[in-house]
Amino acid sequence: MELITAPSTHSSTTQSPSFLISCPTLLRCRRGRFFPTEKAELNGLQKSEIKFLGQIQGPEILTFDPLGRGPYTGIADGRFVFWNGEKFVDFADTSSNRSAICDPKPSLLGYLKNEHICGRPLGIRFDKKTGDLYIADAYFAMMKVGPEGGVATSIATEAEGVPFRFTNDLDIDQDGSIYFTDSSTKYQRR
């Protein structure tokens, strides 16, 4: 893929057989990805700081509830926690079979052996109207927990007879319809 400078001095364009990407002048395009060519003073991400380091293992996604509280996140041991302003506290679990094997481990790799028992939430979104938290779990598929938390319940594990194998993320539109991804119909996460 080549970097092609457009006639305009305000952008550059990268073209491939299947798509066209327009890049702002401070970005260089390569293989469909954007890279800053210099540090931009207005780039807020360059002033980022690391939050919650070492407090939770394997957070995959963040979301805020309809009242703006949080963030909430699903973590490597199958739990959902939220930030109450001082610390992360438990909110929900994906598995009713939770036992000591799901307890927090000192390293992220310590969870892999029991993910299929404890759950691995990869996508979460709150329904803004009901306050319910919808969950895409890699092993337990689509789940839901009420606004007060607790143990999540299964809402879908297959479609048209095809089981979900690696449910990955979701979103909810303004009408309440849920859209989600299943990364494989053949393979699970482990």
Protein backbone atom coordinates (compact mmCIF):
# COMPACT_ATOMS: atom_id res chain seq x y z
CA MET A 1 0.00 0.00 0.00
CA GLU A 2 1.35 3.42 -0.91
CA LEU A 3 1.03 6.82 0.62
CA ILE A 4 -0.47 9.04 -2.05
CA THR A 5 -0.59 12.79 -1.51
CA ALA A 6 -3.84 14.23 -2.75
CA PRO A 7 -3.85 17.49 -4.72
CA SER A 8 -5.29 19.23 -1.68
CA THR A 9 -2.72 20.41 0.87
CA HIS A 10 -5.11 19.53 3.72
CA SER A 11 -5.11 15.73 3.46
CA SER A 12 -3.39 12.70 2.08
CA THR A 13 -5.10 9.62 0.75
CA THR A 14 -4.29 5.92 0.84
CA GLN A 15 -6.07 3.69 -1.64
CA SER A 16 -6.34 -0.09 -1.78
CA PRO A 17 -8.51 -2.29 -4.00
CA SER A 18 -11.31 -2.43 -1.41
CA PHE A 19 -11.37 0.94 0.35
CA LEU A 20 -10.25 4.55 0.38
CA ILE A 21 -8.97 6.26 3.54
CA SER A 22 -8.48 9.98 3.92
CA CYS A 23 -5.85 11.05 6.46
CA PRO A 24 -5.51 14.40 8.21
CA THR A 25 -2.25 16.22 7.45
CA LEU A 26 -0.65 15.31 10.80
CA LEU A 27 -1.07 11.57 10.15
CA ARG A 28 0.81 9.14 7.95
CA CYS A 29 -1.20 6.24 6.52
CA ARG A 30 0.22 2.75 6.21
CA ARG A 31 -1.76 -0.42 5.59
CA GLY A 32 -4.96 1.35 6.57
CA ARG A 33 -3.58 2.52 9.93
CA PHE A 34 -2.92 6.06 11.02
CA PHE A 35 0.32 7.12 12.70
CA PRO A 36 1.09 10.60 14.06
CA THR A 37 3.98 12.21 12.19
CA GLU A 38 4.74 14.51 15.10
CA LYS A 39 3.48 15.09 18.63
CA ALA A 40 0.43 17.26 18.36
CA GLU A 41 -0.19 19.61 21.27
CA LEU A 42 -3.94 19.13 20.94
CA ASN A 43 -3.73 15.32 21.12
CA GLY A 44 -5.24 14.59 24.54
CA LEU A 45 -4.10 10.96 24.46
CA GLN A 46 -0.47 12.06 24.73
CA LYS A 47 -1.35 13.50 28.13
CA SER A 48 -2.93 10.23 29.33
CA GLU A 49 -2.22 8.61 32.65
CA ILE A 50 -2.54 5.01 33.77
CA LYS A 51 -5.44 4.41 36.14
CA PHE A 52 -6.17 1.43 38.41
CA LEU A 53 -2.80 -0.25 37.76
CA GLY A 54 -2.68 -3.63 39.51
CA GLN A 55 -6.17 -3.29 41.00
CA ILE A 56 -8.00 -5.63 38.62
CA GLN A 57 -6.88 -8.39 36.27
CA GLY A 58 -7.72 -8.40 32.58
CA PRO A 59 -10.35 -5.69 32.17
CA GLU A 60 -11.68 -6.06 28.63
CA ILE A 61 -14.18 -3.23 28.24
CA LEU A 62 -15.47 -0.23 30.16
CA THR A 63 -18.96 1.21 30.36
CA PHE A 64 -20.92 3.62 32.53
CA ASP A 65 -24.45 2.97 33.82
CA PRO A 66 -27.41 5.14 32.74
CA LEU A 67 -26.81 7.43 35.75
CA GLY A 68 -23.18 7.99 34.75
CA ARG A 69 -21.67 5.87 37.55
CA GLY A 70 -18.63 3.73 36.96
CA PRO A 71 -16.70 2.71 35.06
CA TYR A 72 -17.93 -0.87 35.15
CA THR A 73 -15.75 -3.58 33.65
CA GLY A 74 -15.74 -7.33 33.17
CA ILE A 75 -12.52 -8.93 34.40
CA ALA A 76 -10.58 -12.14 33.83
CA ASP A 77 -12.16 -14.10 36.68
CA GLY A 78 -15.71 -13.67 35.32
CA ARG A 79 -16.77 -10.92 37.69
CA PHE A 80 -18.03 -7.44 36.96
CA VAL A 81 -16.76 -4.66 39.13
CA PHE A 82 -17.39 -0.94 39.22
CA TRP A 83 -15.47 2.04 40.52
CA ASN A 84 -17.35 3.64 43.40
CA GLY A 85 -15.07 6.66 43.55
CA GLU A 86 -12.60 5.06 45.95
CA LYS A 87 -12.12 1.45 44.85
CA PHE A 88 -13.47 -1.28 42.60
CA VAL A 89 -16.35 -3.24 44.18
CA ASP A 90 -18.15 -6.38 43.00
CA PHE A 91 -21.30 -5.87 40.94
CA ALA A 92 -22.11 -9.17 39.20
CA ASP A 93 -20.87 -12.64 38.19
CA THR A 94 -21.31 -14.54 34.95
CA SER A 95 -21.35 -17.98 36.58
CA SER A 96 -23.67 -19.42 39.19
CA ASN A 97 -20.99 -22.15 39.59
CA ARG A 98 -18.53 -19.66 41.05
CA SER A 99 -16.18 -21.25 43.61
CA ALA A 100 -12.66 -20.82 44.97
CA ILE A 101 -11.23 -21.75 41.56
CA CYS A 102 -12.56 -18.42 40.28
CA ASP A 103 -11.03 -16.31 43.04
CA PRO A 104 -8.63 -13.53 42.03
CA LYS A 105 -5.21 -14.78 40.92
CA PRO A 106 -1.83 -13.06 41.07
CA SER A 107 -1.41 -13.12 37.28
CA LEU A 108 -3.62 -12.90 34.24
CA LEU A 109 -2.52 -16.33 33.01
CA GLY A 110 -3.78 -17.89 36.25
CA TYR A 111 -7.34 -17.51 34.96
CA LEU A 112 -7.04 -19.32 31.64
CA LYS A 113 -7.39 -22.84 33.05
CA ASN A 114 -10.86 -22.15 34.50
CA GLU A 115 -12.30 -19.52 32.16
CA HIS A 116 -14.88 -21.98 30.82
CA ILE A 117 -16.19 -22.42 34.39
CA CYS A 118 -15.82 -18.85 35.69
CA GLY A 119 -16.68 -17.02 32.46
CA ARG A 120 -14.81 -14.41 30.44
CA PRO A 121 -16.87 -11.29 29.80
CA LEU A 122 -15.62 -9.51 26.68
CA GLY A 123 -18.41 -7.04 25.94
CA ILE A 124 -20.84 -5.15 28.19
CA ARG A 125 -23.44 -2.43 27.67
CA PHE A 126 -26.18 -0.97 29.80
CA ASP A 127 -29.67 -0.61 28.41
CA LYS A 128 -30.23 3.09 29.03
CA LYS A 129 -33.98 2.60 29.51
CA THR A 130 -34.05 -0.38 31.91
CA GLY A 131 -30.63 -0.16 33.56
CA ASP A 132 -30.00 -3.84 32.78
CA LEU A 133 -26.41 -4.78 31.98
CA TYR A 134 -26.07 -6.96 28.87
CA ILE A 135 -23.02 -9.19 28.62
CA ALA A 136 -21.22 -10.93 25.77
CA ASP A 137 -19.26 -13.73 27.46
CA ALA A 138 -16.76 -15.83 25.49
CA TYR A 139 -18.15 -19.08 27.01
CA PHE A 140 -21.66 -18.34 28.28
CA ALA A 141 -22.77 -16.30 25.24
CA MET A 142 -25.36 -13.56 25.79
CA MET A 143 -26.34 -12.76 29.35
CA LYS A 144 -28.12 -10.10 31.37
CA VAL A 145 -28.04 -8.84 34.94
CA GLY A 146 -30.42 -6.33 36.51
CA PRO A 147 -29.48 -2.81 37.62
CA GLU A 148 -28.77 -4.04 41.17
CA GLY A 149 -26.22 -6.64 40.03
CA GLY A 150 -26.02 -10.28 41.15
CA VAL A 151 -25.65 -13.41 39.06
CA ALA A 152 -26.24 -12.91 35.35
CA THR A 153 -28.83 -15.03 33.54
CA SER A 154 -28.48 -16.48 30.07
CA ILE A 155 -30.60 -14.87 27.37
CA ALA A 156 -29.22 -16.60 24.24
CA THR A 157 -26.71 -19.36 23.50
CA GLU A 158 -27.56 -20.06 19.84
CA ALA A 159 -29.34 -18.71 16.77
CA GLU A 160 -31.24 -20.87 14.29
CA GLY A 161 -29.69 -23.99 15.84
CA VAL A 162 -26.10 -22.73 15.56
CA PRO A 163 -24.46 -22.40 19.00
CA PHE A 164 -22.47 -19.30 19.83
CA ARG A 165 -18.82 -20.29 20.35
CA PHE A 166 -16.92 -17.06 21.07
CA THR A 167 -19.31 -14.21 21.84
CA ASN A 168 -17.20 -11.10 21.82
CA ASP A 169 -18.94 -7.71 21.98
CA LEU A 170 -22.33 -6.04 21.78
CA ASP A 171 -24.15 -2.77 21.45
CA ILE A 172 -27.73 -1.66 22.03
CA ASP A 173 -29.47 0.78 19.71
CA GLN A 174 -31.96 3.49 20.70
CA ASP A 175 -34.88 1.09 20.16
CA GLY A 176 -33.41 -1.53 22.53
CA SER A 177 -32.31 -3.97 19.82
CA ILE A 178 -29.10 -5.80 20.75
CA TYR A 179 -26.36 -6.35 18.19
CA PHE A 180 -23.44 -8.61 19.03
CA THR A 181 -20.50 -10.41 17.50
CA ASP A 182 -19.60 -14.08 17.72
CA SER A 183 -15.97 -14.38 16.64
CA SER A 184 -16.21 -18.02 15.59
CA THR A 185 -18.83 -20.64 14.89
CA LYS A 186 -16.20 -23.35 15.22
CA TYR A 187 -13.68 -22.43 17.92
CA GLN A 188 -13.97 -21.25 21.50
CA ARG A 189 -11.51 -18.97 23.24
CA ARG A 190 -9.51 -21.85 24.75
